[in-house]
Structures are given as structure tokens and as C-alpha cells.
């Protein structure tokens, strides 16, 4: 658990392996002690990381409600794939580093806020978590007149690729920027020898869903949920 950097008295509950459909949370009486502890620490509300159905149900049973409904999409790769990755990647501050310089990170987070709003934006911690969630990762960016207008965080673990975050500035949507970012991400993942790529997005994000479907992504057999709760 950590405090939200954007919402006063709001706790962010991050659960390891939260995407795992087989993950089981502790018994209800222990979960209730989590809520009691958060209340005693002065928090008035709490939200979770994205959870698979089994874990989400356990928290819904003690009073959590759904804040975001996320669809999971997967694309299977084949030898015939021929994606063109023509966008630049951001290099780390030193050889082998995953993290760009702080001024560049600031620009990325400002763009992310413009794309997702101040309730869903990444902060420094979630940005680092996205880059470190997989064995390898990279960031590809799109510019217009030297101004960053889009980025995609992409990762690989074993033989599976993951699109961790895709953001396009609202002023630059519906002009191919999202498609170009996804294509570059898939080119990088395919070059790593992956058998599939997974991504999630809100069920209401019709623009993103259309882009992914055009690249051959199909819904998986379960969804993810971000939950929230007001504490007494």
C-alpha cells in the first residue's frame, strides 16, 4: 500500500500477481483488517491495482465496487508477421538502464496525464513499475515538431510480450499515432521471438479497442477490474 500522490487521504493497494486468474486472496477476516488498518492510518478511500476475477470477487464481497472494467486482449505471433518499427526508443541514463533522464520522465508523465486524466495518470512509482514488470522493456515515442505526443511502454518476459501503457495526446488522436506506436511495439516484441502479445484497456475505450483489433488482437476469456472503496 502507498498513498496516492494525486488524491488526498486515498490509498493505492497494489497486489502482487494481480493479473493471475488463479490468485486467491486471504480470508475475509484478514482482508477486513487491511481496511481497518487503512482507516486507523487516516485514509478515507482505497483503490486497487487491476485484478483478475477471483481476486476481485474476494474484495467485492467485503464492500469494494468496480471503478474500471478492463478487457484483456491477446495477439498470437507467427513467422509471417512483418511489422515495421519506425519510431525512436528512449535510452536510459546510462548503459543498461531502463529509465530515461528525469526531465524526459516529467514530459512522459505530463503526456500521460493529458491522455488519461488526473485520476488515472501514472506517477513516478507506477512508471517505474511498468518498466520493471517484465524481464526486458523499452519505451517508444512519437513526436510532432519535436513535441512528444505519444508513447508506448512495452515489455517481454520469457516468450510473451506486453504492451504496458499506450498514451496519445488528445489533440493528436485519430490521425494514426496510436497505430504507429502499436506497430512499433509489435515489431520490437516480434524481434524478441515472442509467441504472443497481451494488452489491456478499458471496455469503454473504443478508439484503442479498434486499433488493437485491427492488429489482430482478440479478447481473452477473462477481464480485469480496478476496484475502489470508501472507508468509514
Protein backbone atom coordinates (compact mmCIF):
# COMPACT_ATOMS: atom_id res chain seq x y z
CA UNK A 1 0.00 0.00 0.00
CA UNK A 2 1.11 3.55 -0.63
CA UNK A 3 -0.58 6.95 -0.58
CA UNK A 4 -1.95 8.38 -3.81
CA UNK A 5 0.20 11.32 -4.95
CA UNK A 6 -2.86 12.98 -6.50
CA UNK A 7 -5.87 12.29 -4.23
CA UNK A 8 -5.65 13.33 -0.56
CA UNK A 9 -6.26 10.58 2.03
CA UNK A 10 -6.51 7.93 -0.70
CA UNK A 11 -4.58 4.65 -0.54
CA UNK A 12 -3.34 2.65 -3.52
CA UNK A 13 -3.38 -1.10 -2.87
CA UNK A 14 -1.01 -2.97 -5.20
CA UNK A 15 -1.36 -6.76 -5.09
CA UNK A 16 1.39 -8.98 -6.48
CA UNK A 17 0.37 -11.31 -9.35
CA UNK A 18 -2.91 -9.39 -9.56
CA UNK A 19 -3.41 -10.41 -13.22
CA UNK A 20 -3.14 -14.11 -12.37
CA UNK A 21 -6.59 -15.72 -12.79
CA UNK A 22 -5.65 -18.35 -10.16
CA UNK A 23 -4.62 -15.83 -7.48
CA UNK A 24 -6.56 -16.27 -4.24
CA UNK A 25 -6.59 -13.54 -1.61
CA UNK A 26 -6.60 -14.21 2.14
CA UNK A 27 -9.80 -14.96 4.06
CA UNK A 28 -12.34 -12.17 4.56
CA UNK A 29 -11.46 -11.57 8.22
CA UNK A 30 -7.86 -10.81 7.27
CA UNK A 31 -8.91 -8.57 4.38
CA UNK A 32 -11.08 -6.62 6.80
CA UNK A 33 -8.03 -5.97 8.98
CA UNK A 34 -6.40 -4.33 5.95
CA UNK A 35 -9.32 -1.89 5.74
CA UNK A 36 -9.27 -1.27 9.50
CA UNK A 37 -5.55 -0.50 9.36
CA UNK A 38 -6.00 1.94 6.46
CA UNK A 39 -8.78 3.72 8.37
CA UNK A 40 -6.63 4.00 11.51
CA UNK A 41 -3.84 5.45 9.39
CA UNK A 42 -6.17 8.24 8.26
CA UNK A 43 -7.15 7.08 4.78
CA UNK A 44 -10.70 7.80 3.62
CA UNK A 45 -10.72 5.68 0.46
CA UNK A 46 -8.73 2.97 -1.30
CA UNK A 47 -8.36 1.62 -4.83
CA UNK A 48 -6.59 -1.46 -6.16
CA UNK A 49 -4.35 -2.49 -8.98
CA UNK A 50 -6.06 -4.31 -11.87
CA UNK A 51 -7.32 -7.66 -10.56
CA UNK A 52 -8.34 -10.93 -12.19
CA UNK A 53 -11.90 -12.11 -11.40
CA UNK A 54 -11.13 -14.46 -8.49
CA UNK A 55 -9.21 -11.82 -6.54
CA UNK A 56 -11.70 -9.09 -7.47
CA UNK A 57 -14.62 -11.15 -6.17
CA UNK A 58 -12.94 -11.58 -2.78
CA UNK A 59 -12.70 -7.79 -2.36
CA UNK A 60 -16.19 -7.17 -3.75
CA UNK A 61 -17.51 -9.50 -1.04
CA UNK A 62 -16.23 -7.09 1.64
CA UNK A 63 -17.61 -3.94 0.02
CA UNK A 64 -15.34 -2.92 -2.87
CA UNK A 65 -17.00 -1.79 -6.12
CA UNK A 66 -15.74 -1.67 -9.70
CA UNK A 67 -14.06 1.58 -10.76
CA UNK A 68 -12.68 0.34 -14.10
CA UNK A 69 -13.63 -2.61 -16.25
CA UNK A 70 -10.67 -3.70 -18.38
CA UNK A 71 -10.71 -6.07 -21.33
CA UNK A 72 -7.67 -8.30 -21.87
CA UNK A 73 -6.59 -8.77 -25.49
CA UNK A 74 -4.05 -11.16 -26.96
CA UNK A 75 -2.38 -11.46 -30.35
CA UNK A 76 -0.61 -14.65 -31.42
CA UNK A 77 2.56 -14.13 -33.44
CA UNK A 78 3.73 -16.11 -36.45
CA UNK A 79 6.78 -16.23 -38.71
CA UNK A 80 4.77 -14.35 -41.33
CA UNK A 81 4.50 -11.21 -39.16
CA UNK A 82 6.23 -8.25 -40.77
CA UNK A 83 5.80 -5.21 -38.55
CA UNK A 84 7.73 -2.03 -39.23
CA UNK A 85 9.13 -0.34 -36.14
CA UNK A 86 9.93 3.18 -37.29
CA UNK A 87 9.65 5.16 -34.04
CA UNK A 88 12.62 6.03 -31.81
CA UNK A 89 13.15 4.45 -28.41
CA UNK A 90 14.19 6.37 -25.30
CA UNK A 91 17.58 5.36 -23.98
CA UNK A 92 18.42 5.08 -20.31
CA UNK A 93 20.62 7.49 -18.45
CA UNK A 94 23.50 5.00 -18.55
CA UNK A 95 24.20 1.73 -20.42
CA UNK A 96 21.74 -0.96 -19.38
CA UNK A 97 19.41 1.44 -17.55
CA UNK A 98 15.70 1.22 -18.28
CA UNK A 99 14.97 4.72 -17.03
CA UNK A 100 15.24 7.94 -19.06
CA UNK A 101 16.54 11.13 -17.50
CA UNK A 102 14.23 12.89 -15.05
CA UNK A 103 13.34 15.76 -17.43
CA UNK A 104 12.20 13.19 -20.02
CA UNK A 105 10.23 11.27 -17.38
CA UNK A 106 8.48 14.52 -16.44
CA UNK A 107 7.41 15.05 -20.05
CA UNK A 108 6.14 11.45 -20.26
CA UNK A 109 4.09 11.83 -17.09
CA UNK A 110 2.62 15.13 -18.27
CA UNK A 111 1.59 13.47 -21.52
CA UNK A 112 0.14 10.52 -19.61
CA UNK A 113 -1.96 12.91 -17.50
CA UNK A 114 -3.26 14.63 -20.64
CA UNK A 115 -4.19 11.25 -22.11
CA UNK A 116 -5.76 9.58 -19.06
CA UNK A 117 -6.78 12.43 -16.73
CA UNK A 118 -5.64 13.22 -13.22
CA UNK A 119 -7.47 10.24 -11.69
CA UNK A 120 -5.85 7.56 -13.89
CA UNK A 121 -2.46 9.04 -14.66
CA UNK A 122 0.85 7.39 -13.83
CA UNK A 123 3.18 8.79 -11.23
CA UNK A 124 6.91 8.19 -10.73
CA UNK A 125 6.31 4.89 -8.93
CA UNK A 126 3.82 3.39 -11.39
CA UNK A 127 6.06 4.47 -14.27
CA UNK A 128 9.00 2.57 -12.78
CA UNK A 129 6.73 -0.39 -12.03
CA UNK A 130 5.63 -0.53 -15.67
CA UNK A 131 9.24 -0.60 -16.86
CA UNK A 132 10.30 -3.21 -14.29
CA UNK A 133 7.28 -5.52 -14.57
CA UNK A 134 8.95 -7.59 -17.30
CA UNK A 135 12.41 -9.04 -17.90
CA UNK A 136 13.07 -6.58 -20.74
CA UNK A 137 11.33 -3.31 -21.53
CA UNK A 138 11.52 -0.28 -23.78
CA UNK A 139 9.73 3.00 -24.46
CA UNK A 140 8.93 4.18 -27.97
CA UNK A 141 7.81 7.74 -28.61
CA UNK A 142 6.07 9.78 -31.27
CA UNK A 143 6.85 13.44 -31.94
CA UNK A 144 5.21 16.29 -33.83
CA UNK A 145 7.52 19.28 -34.40
CA UNK A 146 9.88 17.96 -31.70
CA UNK A 147 6.99 17.79 -29.19
CA UNK A 148 6.26 14.37 -27.68
CA UNK A 149 2.64 13.49 -28.46
CA UNK A 150 2.58 9.75 -27.76
CA UNK A 151 4.46 6.90 -26.15
CA UNK A 152 4.19 3.16 -25.60
CA UNK A 153 5.83 1.14 -22.82
CA UNK A 154 6.47 -2.41 -23.99
CA UNK A 155 7.97 -5.42 -22.27
CA UNK A 156 8.93 -9.05 -22.72
CA UNK A 157 9.10 -11.94 -20.23
CA UNK A 158 10.04 -15.41 -21.45
CA UNK A 159 8.28 -15.71 -24.82
CA UNK A 160 5.42 -13.31 -24.15
CA UNK A 161 5.17 -9.62 -24.96
CA UNK A 162 3.18 -6.99 -23.11
CA UNK A 163 2.01 -3.53 -24.06
CA UNK A 164 2.09 -1.94 -20.62
CA UNK A 165 0.96 1.59 -21.42
CA UNK A 166 -0.12 3.40 -24.59
CA UNK A 167 -0.79 7.12 -24.46
CA UNK A 168 -1.57 9.62 -27.21
CA UNK A 169 -2.25 13.30 -26.56
CA UNK A 170 -5.97 14.09 -27.09
CA UNK A 171 -5.10 16.67 -29.75
CA UNK A 172 -3.34 14.00 -31.84
CA UNK A 173 -5.86 11.17 -31.74
CA UNK A 174 -7.50 9.67 -34.83
CA UNK A 175 -4.51 10.53 -37.01
CA UNK A 176 -2.57 7.27 -36.93
CA UNK A 177 -0.28 7.97 -33.96
CA UNK A 178 -1.72 5.16 -31.85
CA UNK A 179 -1.48 2.72 -34.73
CA UNK A 180 2.15 3.68 -35.37
CA UNK A 181 3.03 3.17 -31.70
CA UNK A 182 1.35 -0.24 -31.57
CA UNK A 183 3.06 -1.34 -34.77
CA UNK A 184 6.47 -0.32 -33.43
CA UNK A 185 5.75 -2.15 -30.16
CA UNK A 186 4.77 -5.33 -32.03
CA UNK A 187 7.88 -5.11 -34.21
CA UNK A 188 10.08 -4.95 -31.10
CA UNK A 189 8.22 -7.84 -29.43
CA UNK A 190 8.30 -9.99 -32.57
CA UNK A 191 12.05 -9.41 -32.92
CA UNK A 192 12.44 -10.86 -29.41
CA UNK A 193 10.92 -14.14 -30.60
CA UNK A 194 7.69 -13.89 -28.62
CA UNK A 195 4.75 -16.17 -29.32
CA UNK A 196 2.09 -13.66 -28.27
CA UNK A 197 1.42 -10.14 -27.04
CA UNK A 198 -1.08 -9.16 -24.33
CA UNK A 199 -2.60 -5.75 -23.61
CA UNK A 200 -5.48 -4.44 -21.54
CA UNK A 201 -7.63 -1.37 -21.99
CA UNK A 202 -10.92 -0.05 -20.66
CA UNK A 203 -14.01 -1.59 -22.21
CA UNK A 204 -15.22 1.95 -22.95
CA UNK A 205 -12.04 2.95 -24.85
CA UNK A 206 -13.44 2.27 -28.30
CA UNK A 207 -10.59 4.03 -30.13
CA UNK A 208 -7.93 1.84 -28.52
CA UNK A 209 -10.03 -1.30 -28.97
CA UNK A 210 -10.37 -0.57 -32.67
CA UNK A 211 -6.61 -0.10 -33.06
CA UNK A 212 -5.83 -3.37 -31.29
CA UNK A 213 -8.50 -5.31 -33.18
CA UNK A 214 -7.09 -4.04 -36.47
CA UNK A 215 -3.77 -5.61 -35.48
CA UNK A 216 -5.40 -8.97 -34.83
CA UNK A 217 -5.85 -8.78 -31.06
CA UNK A 218 -8.78 -10.80 -29.70
CA UNK A 219 -10.42 -10.80 -26.25
CA UNK A 220 -9.17 -13.33 -23.72
CA UNK A 221 -11.58 -15.42 -21.66
CA UNK A 222 -11.48 -13.19 -18.57
CA UNK A 223 -11.29 -9.49 -17.74
CA UNK A 224 -9.57 -7.34 -15.13
CA UNK A 225 -11.13 -4.91 -12.68
CA UNK A 226 -9.82 -1.93 -10.75
CA UNK A 227 -11.79 -1.71 -7.51
CA UNK A 228 -12.36 1.09 -5.03
CA UNK A 229 -13.96 1.60 -1.65
CA UNK A 230 -14.83 4.46 0.70
CA UNK A 231 -13.52 3.78 4.20
CA UNK A 232 -15.54 4.51 7.33
